[in-house]
């Protein structure tokens, strides 16, 4: 309801800048991508030609290897619970004041601000045959010093250090978000729960997590989008070799190396649809009407 003397249409003037930016930088690219997915695009002339669903049919061809790339992106989704659990756990540990807590928080955030290319060089050295990781595992007797594993060359191993790298690179970011969220948890509710005899686990479940519901939802959505958009990590660490190509890296190669823009748009559209479906599921699970908001009770 508009205030006296203010016309209802006035409100639209305030949201118009956002709507304009959203339409230009989100809706139009999405619509153009969907349109391009149904066409062949000829780079030299700039012409397009309708081809129906041919690009989507080509994605199913085994020799195109879109399936393995999409599978790697779905495996990357294991980052979502990893980042949420570790980020929240780290935030709970560093939420209380103790000596040097500020320094520890800063050190946890350092990987976030390191350039991806520089961090990847360090990780490649650490996971080299004679690197730090194999030396440590050999000390524990888990690998043979004479035949150390080549982490980034073996097809059945290469993806996991890449995921671990992404986890290390982003953990500090989610820790900061959860630390900010913990500042908003009402202290009175914790004190009331203590008076009622609730232990730490019960206070976490019935007070902290419901209060953090918006932050958990936000972090889960961001981590899901990040996992499905993972491209730089395999690009810098393995160049996409050893079966570490993700779906977005596949799209990038198809568009800018293969010059198959319509085909790349079709692959990108599938990734977008998967991302939207996961977002809907997460809103239902972690949204205002989800179980998390009510302390895990329906």
C-alpha atoms as a PDB file:
ATOM      1  CA  UNK A   1       0.000   0.000   0.000  1.00  0.00           C
ATOM      2  CA  UNK A   2       1.402   3.364  -1.015  1.00  0.00           C
ATOM      3  CA  UNK A   3       1.820   6.167   1.513  1.00  0.00           C
ATOM      4  CA  UNK A   4      -0.593   9.114   1.330  1.00  0.00           C
ATOM      5  CA  UNK A   5       0.402  11.421  -1.484  1.00  0.00           C
ATOM      6  CA  UNK A   6       2.675   8.814  -3.101  1.00  0.00           C
ATOM      7  CA  UNK A   7       1.423   7.061  -6.202  1.00  0.00           C
ATOM      8  CA  UNK A   8       1.951   3.279  -6.449  1.00  0.00           C
ATOM      9  CA  UNK A   9       3.850   3.719  -9.696  1.00  0.00           C
ATOM     10  CA  UNK A  10       6.524   5.674  -7.806  1.00  0.00           C
ATOM     11  CA  UNK A  11       7.846   2.442  -6.347  1.00  0.00           C
ATOM     12  CA  UNK A  12       8.684   1.154  -9.799  1.00  0.00           C
ATOM     13  CA  UNK A  13      11.025   4.110 -10.292  1.00  0.00           C
ATOM     14  CA  UNK A  14      13.194   2.810  -7.427  1.00  0.00           C
ATOM     15  CA  UNK A  15      13.417  -0.740  -8.772  1.00  0.00           C
ATOM     16  CA  UNK A  16      13.750   0.318 -12.404  1.00  0.00           C
ATOM     17  CA  UNK A  17      17.610   0.593 -12.324  1.00  0.00           C
ATOM     18  CA  UNK A  18      17.911  -2.924 -10.940  1.00  0.00           C
ATOM     19  CA  UNK A  19      15.383  -4.276 -13.431  1.00  0.00           C
ATOM     20  CA  UNK A  20      17.274  -2.639 -16.302  1.00  0.00           C
ATOM     21  CA  UNK A  21      20.642  -4.078 -15.216  1.00  0.00           C
ATOM     22  CA  UNK A  22      19.082  -7.494 -14.556  1.00  0.00           C
ATOM     23  CA  UNK A  23      17.437  -7.530 -17.959  1.00  0.00           C
ATOM     24  CA  UNK A  24      20.568  -6.473 -19.850  1.00  0.00           C
ATOM     25  CA  UNK A  25      23.160  -8.598 -18.053  1.00  0.00           C
ATOM     26  CA  UNK A  26      21.089 -11.654 -17.030  1.00  0.00           C
ATOM     27  CA  UNK A  27      17.843 -12.126 -18.947  1.00  0.00           C
ATOM     28  CA  UNK A  28      19.146 -11.099 -22.360  1.00  0.00           C
ATOM     29  CA  UNK A  29      22.272 -13.347 -22.210  1.00  0.00           C
ATOM     30  CA  UNK A  30      20.112 -16.249 -21.018  1.00  0.00           C
ATOM     31  CA  UNK A  31      17.614 -15.729 -23.813  1.00  0.00           C
ATOM     32  CA  UNK A  32      20.310 -15.279 -26.447  1.00  0.00           C
ATOM     33  CA  UNK A  33      22.111 -18.420 -25.241  1.00  0.00           C
ATOM     34  CA  UNK A  34      18.878 -20.427 -25.491  1.00  0.00           C
ATOM     35  CA  UNK A  35      18.264 -19.053 -28.995  1.00  0.00           C
ATOM     36  CA  UNK A  36      21.855 -19.730 -30.071  1.00  0.00           C
ATOM     37  CA  UNK A  37      21.628 -23.328 -28.798  1.00  0.00           C
ATOM     38  CA  UNK A  38      19.107 -23.993 -31.583  1.00  0.00           C
ATOM     39  CA  UNK A  39      21.280 -22.532 -34.337  1.00  0.00           C
ATOM     40  CA  UNK A  40      24.586 -22.978 -36.099  1.00  0.00           C
ATOM     41  CA  UNK A  41      26.743 -19.884 -35.838  1.00  0.00           C
ATOM     42  CA  UNK A  42      29.238 -19.083 -38.586  1.00  0.00           C
ATOM     43  CA  UNK A  43      32.025 -17.007 -37.124  1.00  0.00           C
ATOM     44  CA  UNK A  44      33.466 -15.602 -40.353  1.00  0.00           C
ATOM     45  CA  UNK A  45      30.192 -14.191 -41.646  1.00  0.00           C
ATOM     46  CA  UNK A  46      28.297 -13.783 -38.387  1.00  0.00           C
ATOM     47  CA  UNK A  47      25.302 -15.587 -39.884  1.00  0.00           C
ATOM     48  CA  UNK A  48      23.184 -18.133 -38.050  1.00  0.00           C
ATOM     49  CA  UNK A  49      21.095 -21.025 -39.306  1.00  0.00           C
ATOM     50  CA  UNK A  50      18.321 -22.857 -37.525  1.00  0.00           C
ATOM     51  CA  UNK A  51      19.182 -26.512 -36.887  1.00  0.00           C
ATOM     52  CA  UNK A  52      16.457 -27.551 -34.457  1.00  0.00           C
ATOM     53  CA  UNK A  53      17.835 -29.725 -31.677  1.00  0.00           C
ATOM     54  CA  UNK A  54      20.889 -30.934 -33.603  1.00  0.00           C
ATOM     55  CA  UNK A  55      23.284 -29.383 -31.076  1.00  0.00           C
ATOM     56  CA  UNK A  56      21.600 -31.228 -28.220  1.00  0.00           C
ATOM     57  CA  UNK A  57      21.703 -34.499 -30.177  1.00  0.00           C
ATOM     58  CA  UNK A  58      25.421 -34.017 -30.795  1.00  0.00           C
ATOM     59  CA  UNK A  59      25.954 -33.657 -27.036  1.00  0.00           C
ATOM     60  CA  UNK A  60      24.817 -37.265 -26.620  1.00  0.00           C
ATOM     61  CA  UNK A  61      27.440 -38.636 -29.009  1.00  0.00           C
ATOM     62  CA  UNK A  62      30.036 -40.627 -27.006  1.00  0.00           C
ATOM     63  CA  UNK A  63      32.938 -39.286 -29.067  1.00  0.00           C
ATOM     64  CA  UNK A  64      32.018 -35.737 -28.077  1.00  0.00           C
ATOM     65  CA  UNK A  65      32.714 -36.645 -24.421  1.00  0.00           C
ATOM     66  CA  UNK A  66      30.229 -34.164 -22.988  1.00  0.00           C
ATOM     67  CA  UNK A  67      28.900 -36.864 -20.645  1.00  0.00           C
ATOM     68  CA  UNK A  68      32.225 -37.388 -18.819  1.00  0.00           C
ATOM     69  CA  UNK A  69      32.687 -33.624 -18.508  1.00  0.00           C
ATOM     70  CA  UNK A  70      29.204 -33.225 -17.038  1.00  0.00           C
ATOM     71  CA  UNK A  71      29.886 -36.153 -14.709  1.00  0.00           C
ATOM     72  CA  UNK A  72      33.041 -34.405 -13.445  1.00  0.00           C
ATOM     73  CA  UNK A  73      31.024 -31.248 -12.743  1.00  0.00           C
ATOM     74  CA  UNK A  74      28.471 -33.281 -10.799  1.00  0.00           C
ATOM     75  CA  UNK A  75      31.310 -34.881  -8.817  1.00  0.00           C
ATOM     76  CA  UNK A  76      32.497 -31.343  -8.106  1.00  0.00           C
ATOM     77  CA  UNK A  77      29.218 -30.838  -6.231  1.00  0.00           C
ATOM     78  CA  UNK A  78      30.778 -32.770  -3.358  1.00  0.00           C
ATOM     79  CA  UNK A  79      32.362 -29.391  -2.621  1.00  0.00           C
ATOM     80  CA  UNK A  80      28.988 -28.033  -1.489  1.00  0.00           C
ATOM     81  CA  UNK A  81      28.633 -30.052   1.751  1.00  0.00           C
ATOM     82  CA  UNK A  82      32.395 -29.984   2.292  1.00  0.00           C
ATOM     83  CA  UNK A  83      32.523 -26.189   2.211  1.00  0.00           C
ATOM     84  CA  UNK A  84      29.399 -25.772   4.331  1.00  0.00           C
ATOM     85  CA  UNK A  85      30.451 -28.166   7.082  1.00  0.00           C
ATOM     86  CA  UNK A  86      34.079 -27.032   7.200  1.00  0.00           C
ATOM     87  CA  UNK A  87      33.227 -23.334   6.804  1.00  0.00           C
ATOM     88  CA  UNK A  88      30.615 -23.414   9.561  1.00  0.00           C
ATOM     89  CA  UNK A  89      32.831 -25.522  11.835  1.00  0.00           C
ATOM     90  CA  UNK A  90      35.749 -23.158  11.358  1.00  0.00           C
ATOM     91  CA  UNK A  91      33.526 -20.150  11.982  1.00  0.00           C
ATOM     92  CA  UNK A  92      32.204 -21.685  15.212  1.00  0.00           C
ATOM     93  CA  UNK A  93      35.781 -22.284  16.393  1.00  0.00           C
ATOM     94  CA  UNK A  94      36.927 -18.767  15.528  1.00  0.00           C
ATOM     95  CA  UNK A  95      33.767 -17.008  16.685  1.00  0.00           C
ATOM     96  CA  UNK A  96      34.862 -16.867  20.304  1.00  0.00           C
ATOM     97  CA  UNK A  97      37.557 -14.378  21.327  1.00  0.00           C
ATOM     98  CA  UNK A  98      40.949 -15.802  22.231  1.00  0.00           C
ATOM     99  CA  UNK A  99      44.540 -14.663  21.696  1.00  0.00           C
ATOM    100  CA  UNK A 100      45.571 -14.255  18.047  1.00  0.00           C
ATOM    101  CA  UNK A 101      42.075 -15.075  16.761  1.00  0.00           C
ATOM    102  CA  UNK A 102      42.293 -12.193  14.293  1.00  0.00           C
ATOM    103  CA  UNK A 103      45.587 -13.501  12.907  1.00  0.00           C
ATOM    104  CA  UNK A 104      44.163 -17.019  12.517  1.00  0.00           C
ATOM    105  CA  UNK A 105      41.113 -15.662  10.698  1.00  0.00           C
ATOM    106  CA  UNK A 106      43.371 -13.708   8.352  1.00  0.00           C
ATOM    107  CA  UNK A 107      45.525 -16.780   7.663  1.00  0.00           C
ATOM    108  CA  UNK A 108      42.415 -18.807   6.843  1.00  0.00           C
ATOM    109  CA  UNK A 109      41.385 -16.137   4.338  1.00  0.00           C
ATOM    110  CA  UNK A 110      44.776 -15.904   2.606  1.00  0.00           C
ATOM    111  CA  UNK A 111      44.053 -18.679   0.018  1.00  0.00           C
ATOM    112  CA  UNK A 112      41.014 -16.714  -1.185  1.00  0.00           C
ATOM    113  CA  UNK A 113      43.093 -13.701  -2.215  1.00  0.00           C
ATOM    114  CA  UNK A 114      45.987 -15.616  -3.770  1.00  0.00           C
ATOM    115  CA  UNK A 115      45.831 -15.573  -7.565  1.00  0.00           C
ATOM    116  CA  UNK A 116      44.549 -18.845  -8.964  1.00  0.00           C
ATOM    117  CA  UNK A 117      47.506 -19.249 -11.333  1.00  0.00           C
ATOM    118  CA  UNK A 118      50.072 -18.782  -8.538  1.00  0.00           C
ATOM    119  CA  UNK A 119      48.275 -21.119  -6.148  1.00  0.00           C
ATOM    120  CA  UNK A 120      48.026 -23.739  -8.907  1.00  0.00           C
ATOM    121  CA  UNK A 121      51.807 -23.663  -9.443  1.00  0.00           C
ATOM    122  CA  UNK A 122      52.363 -24.340  -5.744  1.00  0.00           C
ATOM    123  CA  UNK A 123      49.861 -27.201  -5.747  1.00  0.00           C
ATOM    124  CA  UNK A 124      51.417 -28.766  -8.825  1.00  0.00           C
ATOM    125  CA  UNK A 125      54.765 -28.772  -7.031  1.00  0.00           C
ATOM    126  CA  UNK A 126      53.205 -30.173  -3.856  1.00  0.00           C
ATOM    127  CA  UNK A 127      51.554 -33.032  -5.769  1.00  0.00           C
ATOM    128  CA  UNK A 128      54.555 -33.772  -7.993  1.00  0.00           C
ATOM    129  CA  UNK A 129      56.124 -37.247  -7.866  1.00  0.00           C
ATOM    130  CA  UNK A 130      58.831 -35.979  -5.496  1.00  0.00           C
ATOM    131  CA  UNK A 131      56.605 -33.342  -3.932  1.00  0.00           C
ATOM    132  CA  UNK A 132      55.514 -32.644  -0.391  1.00  0.00           C
ATOM    133  CA  UNK A 133      52.357 -34.796  -0.490  1.00  0.00           C
ATOM    134  CA  UNK A 134      54.095 -37.969  -1.670  1.00  0.00           C
ATOM    135  CA  UNK A 135      56.942 -37.418   0.805  1.00  0.00           C
ATOM    136  CA  UNK A 136      54.441 -37.119   3.645  1.00  0.00           C
ATOM    137  CA  UNK A 137      52.474 -40.189   2.536  1.00  0.00           C
ATOM    138  CA  UNK A 138      55.716 -42.157   2.126  1.00  0.00           C
ATOM    139  CA  UNK A 139      56.667 -41.231   5.684  1.00  0.00           C
ATOM    140  CA  UNK A 140      53.372 -42.730   6.863  1.00  0.00           C
ATOM    141  CA  UNK A 141      53.976 -45.803   4.710  1.00  0.00           C
ATOM    142  CA  UNK A 142      50.902 -45.166   2.532  1.00  0.00           C
ATOM    143  CA  UNK A 143      52.803 -44.927  -0.782  1.00  0.00           C
ATOM    144  CA  UNK A 144      56.009 -46.406  -2.084  1.00  0.00           C
ATOM    145  CA  UNK A 145      58.941 -43.938  -2.416  1.00  0.00           C
ATOM    146  CA  UNK A 146      60.151 -45.936  -5.450  1.00  0.00           C
ATOM    147  CA  UNK A 147      56.785 -45.737  -7.212  1.00  0.00           C
ATOM    148  CA  UNK A 148      55.016 -42.577  -6.024  1.00  0.00           C
ATOM    149  CA  UNK A 149      51.592 -41.784  -7.542  1.00  0.00           C
ATOM    150  CA  UNK A 150      51.458 -39.171 -10.289  1.00  0.00           C
ATOM    151  CA  UNK A 151      48.402 -37.354  -9.015  1.00  0.00           C
ATOM    152  CA  UNK A 152      47.687 -35.098 -11.969  1.00  0.00           C
ATOM    153  CA  UNK A 153      48.466 -37.702 -14.625  1.00  0.00           C
ATOM    154  CA  UNK A 154      46.416 -40.692 -13.530  1.00  0.00           C
ATOM    155  CA  UNK A 155      42.856 -40.698 -14.787  1.00  0.00           C
ATOM    156  CA  UNK A 156      41.424 -42.242 -11.642  1.00  0.00           C
ATOM    157  CA  UNK A 157      43.207 -39.801  -9.298  1.00  0.00           C
ATOM    158  CA  UNK A 158      43.592 -36.448 -11.039  1.00  0.00           C
ATOM    159  CA  UNK A 159      40.129 -35.056 -10.278  1.00  0.00           C
ATOM    160  CA  UNK A 160      40.404 -35.435  -6.495  1.00  0.00           C
ATOM    161  CA  UNK A 161      43.428 -33.149  -5.914  1.00  0.00           C
ATOM    162  CA  UNK A 162      41.687 -30.646  -8.195  1.00  0.00           C
ATOM    163  CA  UNK A 163      38.602 -30.748  -5.942  1.00  0.00           C
ATOM    164  CA  UNK A 164      40.810 -30.528  -2.870  1.00  0.00           C
ATOM    165  CA  UNK A 165      42.494 -27.469  -4.364  1.00  0.00           C
ATOM    166  CA  UNK A 166      39.108 -25.803  -4.918  1.00  0.00           C
ATOM    167  CA  UNK A 167      38.134 -26.628  -1.332  1.00  0.00           C
ATOM    168  CA  UNK A 168      41.336 -25.089   0.072  1.00  0.00           C
ATOM    169  CA  UNK A 169      40.978 -22.021  -2.163  1.00  0.00           C
ATOM    170  CA  UNK A 170      37.398 -21.213  -1.067  1.00  0.00           C
ATOM    171  CA  UNK A 171      37.131 -22.357   2.533  1.00  0.00           C
ATOM    172  CA  UNK A 172      38.114 -18.947   3.920  1.00  0.00           C
ATOM    173  CA  UNK A 173      35.404 -17.204   1.911  1.00  0.00           C
ATOM    174  CA  UNK A 174      32.624 -19.306   3.417  1.00  0.00           C
ATOM    175  CA  UNK A 175      34.187 -19.053   6.870  1.00  0.00           C
ATOM    176  CA  UNK A 176      33.853 -15.261   6.655  1.00  0.00           C
ATOM    177  CA  UNK A 177      30.209 -15.499   5.583  1.00  0.00           C
ATOM    178  CA  UNK A 178      29.394 -17.787   8.499  1.00  0.00           C
ATOM    179  CA  UNK A 179      31.318 -15.583  10.922  1.00  0.00           C
ATOM    180  CA  UNK A 180      29.204 -12.639   9.803  1.00  0.00           C
ATOM    181  CA  UNK A 181      26.072 -14.750  10.227  1.00  0.00           C
ATOM    182  CA  UNK A 182      27.020 -15.815  13.745  1.00  0.00           C
ATOM    183  CA  UNK A 183      27.095 -12.164  14.755  1.00  0.00           C
ATOM    184  CA  UNK A 184      23.335 -12.016  14.193  1.00  0.00           C
ATOM    185  CA  UNK A 185      22.420 -15.030  16.345  1.00  0.00           C
ATOM    186  CA  UNK A 186      20.468 -13.649  19.343  1.00  0.00           C
ATOM    187  CA  UNK A 187      22.456 -14.119  22.533  1.00  0.00           C
ATOM    188  CA  UNK A 188      19.243 -14.104  24.566  1.00  0.00           C
ATOM    189  CA  UNK A 189      18.087 -17.322  22.895  1.00  0.00           C
ATOM    190  CA  UNK A 190      21.363 -19.025  23.768  1.00  0.00           C
ATOM    191  CA  UNK A 191      21.078 -17.877  27.380  1.00  0.00           C
ATOM    192  CA  UNK A 192      17.469 -19.079  27.570  1.00  0.00           C
ATOM    193  CA  UNK A 193      18.486 -22.452  26.116  1.00  0.00           C
ATOM    194  CA  UNK A 194      21.274 -22.760  28.701  1.00  0.00           C
ATOM    195  CA  UNK A 195      18.781 -22.044  31.484  1.00  0.00           C
ATOM    196  CA  UNK A 196      16.570 -24.794  30.055  1.00  0.00           C
ATOM    197  CA  UNK A 197      19.463 -27.232  30.311  1.00  0.00           C
ATOM    198  CA  UNK A 198      20.290 -27.511  26.602  1.00  0.00           C
ATOM    199  CA  UNK A 199      23.771 -28.791  25.839  1.00  0.00           C
ATOM    200  CA  UNK A 200      26.042 -27.458  23.064  1.00  0.00           C
ATOM    201  CA  UNK A 201      24.696 -29.799  20.395  1.00  0.00           C
ATOM    202  CA  UNK A 202      21.083 -28.969  21.218  1.00  0.00           C
ATOM    203  CA  UNK A 203      21.812 -25.233  21.171  1.00  0.00           C
ATOM    204  CA  UNK A 204      23.526 -25.646  17.806  1.00  0.00           C
ATOM    205  CA  UNK A 205      20.548 -27.519  16.373  1.00  0.00           C
ATOM    206  CA  UNK A 206      17.674 -25.506  17.845  1.00  0.00           C
ATOM    207  CA  UNK A 207      19.164 -22.010  18.148  1.00  0.00           C
ATOM    208  CA  UNK A 208      22.240 -21.458  15.982  1.00  0.00           C
ATOM    209  CA  UNK A 209      21.286 -23.336  12.800  1.00  0.00           C
ATOM    210  CA  UNK A 210      17.726 -21.911  12.531  1.00  0.00           C
ATOM    211  CA  UNK A 211      19.126 -18.405  13.054  1.00  0.00           C
ATOM    212  CA  UNK A 212      21.750 -19.055  10.377  1.00  0.00           C
ATOM    213  CA  UNK A 213      19.181 -20.346   7.878  1.00  0.00           C
ATOM    214  CA  UNK A 214      19.478 -17.392   5.447  1.00  0.00           C
ATOM    215  CA  UNK A 215      23.288 -17.587   5.543  1.00  0.00           C
ATOM    216  CA  UNK A 216      23.297 -21.366   5.047  1.00  0.00           C
ATOM    217  CA  UNK A 217      20.934 -21.010   2.097  1.00  0.00           C
ATOM    218  CA  UNK A 218      23.086 -18.286   0.556  1.00  0.00           C
ATOM    219  CA  UNK A 219      26.329 -20.227   1.056  1.00  0.00           C
ATOM    220  CA  UNK A 220      24.798 -23.407  -0.346  1.00  0.00           C
ATOM    221  CA  UNK A 221      23.578 -21.621  -3.456  1.00  0.00           C
ATOM    222  CA  UNK A 222      26.920 -19.904  -3.990  1.00  0.00           C
ATOM    223  CA  UNK A 223      28.852 -23.140  -3.504  1.00  0.00           C
ATOM    224  CA  UNK A 224      26.568 -24.992  -5.922  1.00  0.00           C
ATOM    225  CA  UNK A 225      26.980 -22.343  -8.605  1.00  0.00           C
ATOM    226  CA  UNK A 226      30.722 -22.303  -8.020  1.00  0.00           C
ATOM    227  CA  UNK A 227      30.994 -26.101  -8.287  1.00  0.00           C
ATOM    228  CA  UNK A 228      29.051 -26.220 -11.547  1.00  0.00           C
ATOM    229  CA  UNK A 229      31.132 -23.306 -12.912  1.00  0.00           C
ATOM    230  CA  UNK A 230      34.462 -24.877 -11.968  1.00  0.00           C
ATOM    231  CA  UNK A 231      36.805 -24.243 -14.871  1.00  0.00           C
ATOM    232  CA  UNK A 232      39.962 -22.483 -13.752  1.00  0.00           C
ATOM    233  CA  UNK A 233      40.991 -25.255 -11.350  1.00  0.00           C
ATOM    234  CA  UNK A 234      41.300 -28.069 -13.935  1.00  0.00           C
ATOM    235  CA  UNK A 235      42.558 -25.587 -16.523  1.00  0.00           C
ATOM    236  CA  UNK A 236      45.506 -24.458 -14.389  1.00  0.00           C
ATOM    237  CA  UNK A 237      46.277 -27.786 -12.734  1.00  0.00           C
ATOM    238  CA  UNK A 238      45.833 -30.332 -15.538  1.00  0.00           C
ATOM    239  CA  UNK A 239      44.847 -28.392 -18.684  1.00  0.00           C
ATOM    240  CA  UNK A 240      41.785 -30.581 -18.668  1.00  0.00           C
ATOM    241  CA  UNK A 241      43.802 -33.739 -19.242  1.00  0.00           C
ATOM    242  CA  UNK A 242      43.502 -37.035 -17.347  1.00  0.00           C
ATOM    243  CA  UNK A 243      39.702 -36.839 -17.500  1.00  0.00           C
ATOM    244  CA  UNK A 244      39.456 -33.685 -15.389  1.00  0.00           C
ATOM    245  CA  UNK A 245      37.562 -31.603 -17.937  1.00  0.00           C
ATOM    246  CA  UNK A 246      34.498 -30.074 -16.327  1.00  0.00           C
ATOM    247  CA  UNK A 247      31.340 -29.070 -18.155  1.00  0.00           C
ATOM    248  CA  UNK A 248      32.179 -25.369 -18.226  1.00  0.00           C
ATOM    249  CA  UNK A 249      35.741 -26.051 -19.427  1.00  0.00           C
ATOM    250  CA  UNK A 250      34.157 -28.211 -22.120  1.00  0.00           C
ATOM    251  CA  UNK A 251      31.929 -25.288 -23.153  1.00  0.00           C
ATOM    252  CA  UNK A 252      34.918 -22.942 -23.224  1.00  0.00           C
ATOM    253  CA  UNK A 253      36.927 -25.323 -25.417  1.00  0.00           C
ATOM    254  CA  UNK A 254      33.994 -25.903 -27.765  1.00  0.00           C
ATOM    255  CA  UNK A 255      33.362 -22.178 -28.191  1.00  0.00           C
ATOM    256  CA  UNK A 256      36.809 -20.619 -28.318  1.00  0.00           C
ATOM    257  CA  UNK A 257      38.882 -23.499 -29.698  1.00  0.00           C
ATOM    258  CA  UNK A 258      36.299 -25.368 -31.745  1.00  0.00           C
ATOM    259  CA  UNK A 259      34.391 -22.219 -32.799  1.00  0.00           C
ATOM    260  CA  UNK A 260      31.131 -24.180 -32.343  1.00  0.00           C
ATOM    261  CA  UNK A 261      29.213 -21.481 -30.567  1.00  0.00           C
ATOM    262  CA  UNK A 262      25.767 -23.004 -31.041  1.00  0.00           C
ATOM    263  CA  UNK A 263      26.985 -26.341 -29.764  1.00  0.00           C
ATOM    264  CA  UNK A 264      28.676 -24.664 -26.793  1.00  0.00           C
ATOM    265  CA  UNK A 265      25.470 -22.720 -26.083  1.00  0.00           C
ATOM    266  CA  UNK A 266      23.508 -25.985 -25.959  1.00  0.00           C
ATOM    267  CA  UNK A 267      25.966 -27.431 -23.427  1.00  0.00           C
ATOM    268  CA  UNK A 268      25.834 -24.215 -21.417  1.00  0.00           C
ATOM    269  CA  UNK A 269      22.033 -24.285 -21.421  1.00  0.00           C
ATOM    270  CA  UNK A 270      22.031 -27.782 -19.929  1.00  0.00           C
ATOM    271  CA  UNK A 271      24.361 -26.627 -17.149  1.00  0.00           C
ATOM    272  CA  UNK A 272      22.094 -23.644 -16.485  1.00  0.00           C
ATOM    273  CA  UNK A 273      18.998 -25.859 -16.235  1.00  0.00           C
ATOM    274  CA  UNK A 274      20.770 -28.220 -13.804  1.00  0.00           C
ATOM    275  CA  UNK A 275      21.836 -25.237 -11.714  1.00  0.00           C
ATOM    276  CA  UNK A 276      18.283 -23.860 -11.611  1.00  0.00           C
ATOM    277  CA  UNK A 277      16.827 -27.245 -10.619  1.00  0.00           C
ATOM    278  CA  UNK A 278      19.350 -27.577  -7.795  1.00  0.00           C
ATOM    279  CA  UNK A 279      18.534 -24.038  -6.659  1.00  0.00           C
ATOM    280  CA  UNK A 280      14.815 -24.856  -6.497  1.00  0.00           C
ATOM    281  CA  UNK A 281      15.553 -27.981  -4.469  1.00  0.00           C
ATOM    282  CA  UNK A 282      17.784 -26.060  -2.082  1.00  0.00           C
ATOM    283  CA  UNK A 283      15.178 -23.334  -1.620  1.00  0.00           C
ATOM    284  CA  UNK A 284      12.627 -25.983  -0.672  1.00  0.00           C
ATOM    285  CA  UNK A 285      15.036 -27.705   1.687  1.00  0.00           C
ATOM    286  CA  UNK A 286      16.780 -24.703   3.267  1.00  0.00           C
ATOM    287  CA  UNK A 287      14.301 -21.864   2.642  1.00  0.00           C
ATOM    288  CA  UNK A 288      11.970 -20.185   5.106  1.00  0.00           C
ATOM    289  CA  UNK A 289       9.604 -23.156   5.009  1.00  0.00           C
ATOM    290  CA  UNK A 290      12.351 -25.788   5.137  1.00  0.00           C
ATOM    291  CA  UNK A 291      13.175 -28.122   8.003  1.00  0.00           C
ATOM    292  CA  UNK A 292      16.328 -26.204   8.893  1.00  0.00           C
ATOM    293  CA  UNK A 293      14.312 -23.126   9.818  1.00  0.00           C
ATOM    294  CA  UNK A 294      12.354 -25.177  12.352  1.00  0.00           C
ATOM    295  CA  UNK A 295      15.263 -26.940  14.025  1.00  0.00           C
ATOM    296  CA  UNK A 296      15.069 -30.027  11.833  1.00  0.00           C
ATOM    297  CA  UNK A 297      11.401 -30.609  12.616  1.00  0.00           C
ATOM    298  CA  UNK A 298       8.717 -30.662   9.950  1.00  0.00           C
END
